[in-house]
Amino acid sequence: MADTKVSRNKQARNAERRQCERELAEALERRDETEPPLEVEEEAVAVEPAALRAADSGADGEGATE
């Protein structure tokens, strides 16, 4: 194939099409797999409620001293 703008564009389109086909084939192969469970760290769960309370008290203006 000659090295022209048209041929480069055609090669790029073909490469993109092949990539999409590979991604689709992989997705179809994996469609029956289940999602892995999310791992929750105990520290993050313990800290989160306190962080939410602090954010709530400052967000509405209550508890602020001037």
Protein backbone atom coordinates (compact mmCIF):
# COMPACT_ATOMS: atom_id res chain seq x y z
CA MET A 1 0.00 0.00 0.00
CA ALA A 2 1.38 3.40 -0.91
CA ASP A 3 2.24 5.79 1.89
CA THR A 4 -0.38 8.43 1.33
CA LYS A 5 -2.69 10.28 3.68
CA VAL A 6 -5.60 8.13 2.48
CA SER A 7 -3.74 4.88 3.14
CA ARG A 8 -2.59 6.05 6.59
CA ASN A 9 -6.17 6.98 7.50
CA LYS A 10 -7.40 3.61 6.24
CA GLN A 11 -4.78 1.79 8.32
CA ALA A 12 -5.76 3.80 11.39
CA ARG A 13 -9.47 3.04 10.90
CA ASN A 14 -8.68 -0.66 10.45
CA ALA A 15 -6.55 -0.69 13.60
CA GLU A 16 -9.34 1.00 15.59
CA ARG A 17 -11.91 -1.46 14.20
CA ARG A 18 -9.72 -4.46 15.12
CA GLN A 19 -9.23 -3.07 18.64
CA CYS A 20 -12.99 -2.66 19.08
CA GLU A 21 -13.54 -6.21 17.84
CA ARG A 22 -10.96 -7.55 20.34
CA GLU A 23 -12.56 -5.62 23.20
CA LEU A 24 -16.01 -6.88 22.25
CA ALA A 25 -14.82 -10.49 22.01
CA GLU A 26 -13.16 -10.19 25.43
CA ALA A 27 -16.30 -8.67 26.96
CA LEU A 28 -18.44 -11.45 25.53
CA GLU A 29 -16.08 -14.07 26.96
CA ARG A 30 -16.21 -12.48 30.41
CA ARG A 31 -19.92 -11.66 30.57
CA ASP A 32 -20.72 -14.64 32.81
CA GLU A 33 -18.04 -13.75 35.37
CA THR A 34 -19.17 -12.21 38.63
CA GLU A 35 -17.67 -9.02 39.98
CA PRO A 36 -15.18 -9.53 42.79
CA PRO A 37 -16.40 -8.37 46.20
CA LEU A 38 -15.24 -4.94 47.33
CA GLU A 39 -12.70 -5.03 50.12
CA VAL A 40 -13.55 -2.53 52.84
CA GLU A 41 -10.87 -1.50 55.26
CA GLU A 42 -11.98 -1.38 58.89
CA GLU A 43 -10.20 1.95 59.47
CA ALA A 44 -12.05 3.66 56.65
CA VAL A 45 -15.41 2.48 57.99
CA ALA A 46 -14.57 3.66 61.53
CA VAL A 47 -13.36 7.09 60.41
CA GLU A 48 -16.09 7.80 57.86
CA PRO A 49 -19.02 8.52 60.25
CA ALA A 50 -16.94 11.00 62.29
CA ALA A 51 -15.79 12.73 59.11
CA LEU A 52 -19.38 12.98 57.92
CA ARG A 53 -20.52 14.51 61.24
CA ALA A 54 -17.73 17.09 61.08
CA ALA A 55 -18.61 17.97 57.48
CA ASP A 56 -22.32 18.24 58.31
CA SER A 57 -21.81 20.55 61.29
CA GLY A 58 -19.66 22.94 59.26
CA ALA A 59 -21.73 22.85 56.09
CA ASP A 60 -24.90 24.43 57.48
CA GLY A 61 -23.22 27.02 59.68
CA GLU A 62 -24.31 25.53 62.98
CA GLY A 63 -21.64 25.13 65.58
CA ALA A 64 -19.49 27.85 64.06
CA THR A 65 -18.26 30.50 66.48
CA GLU A 66 -17.56 34.05 65.44
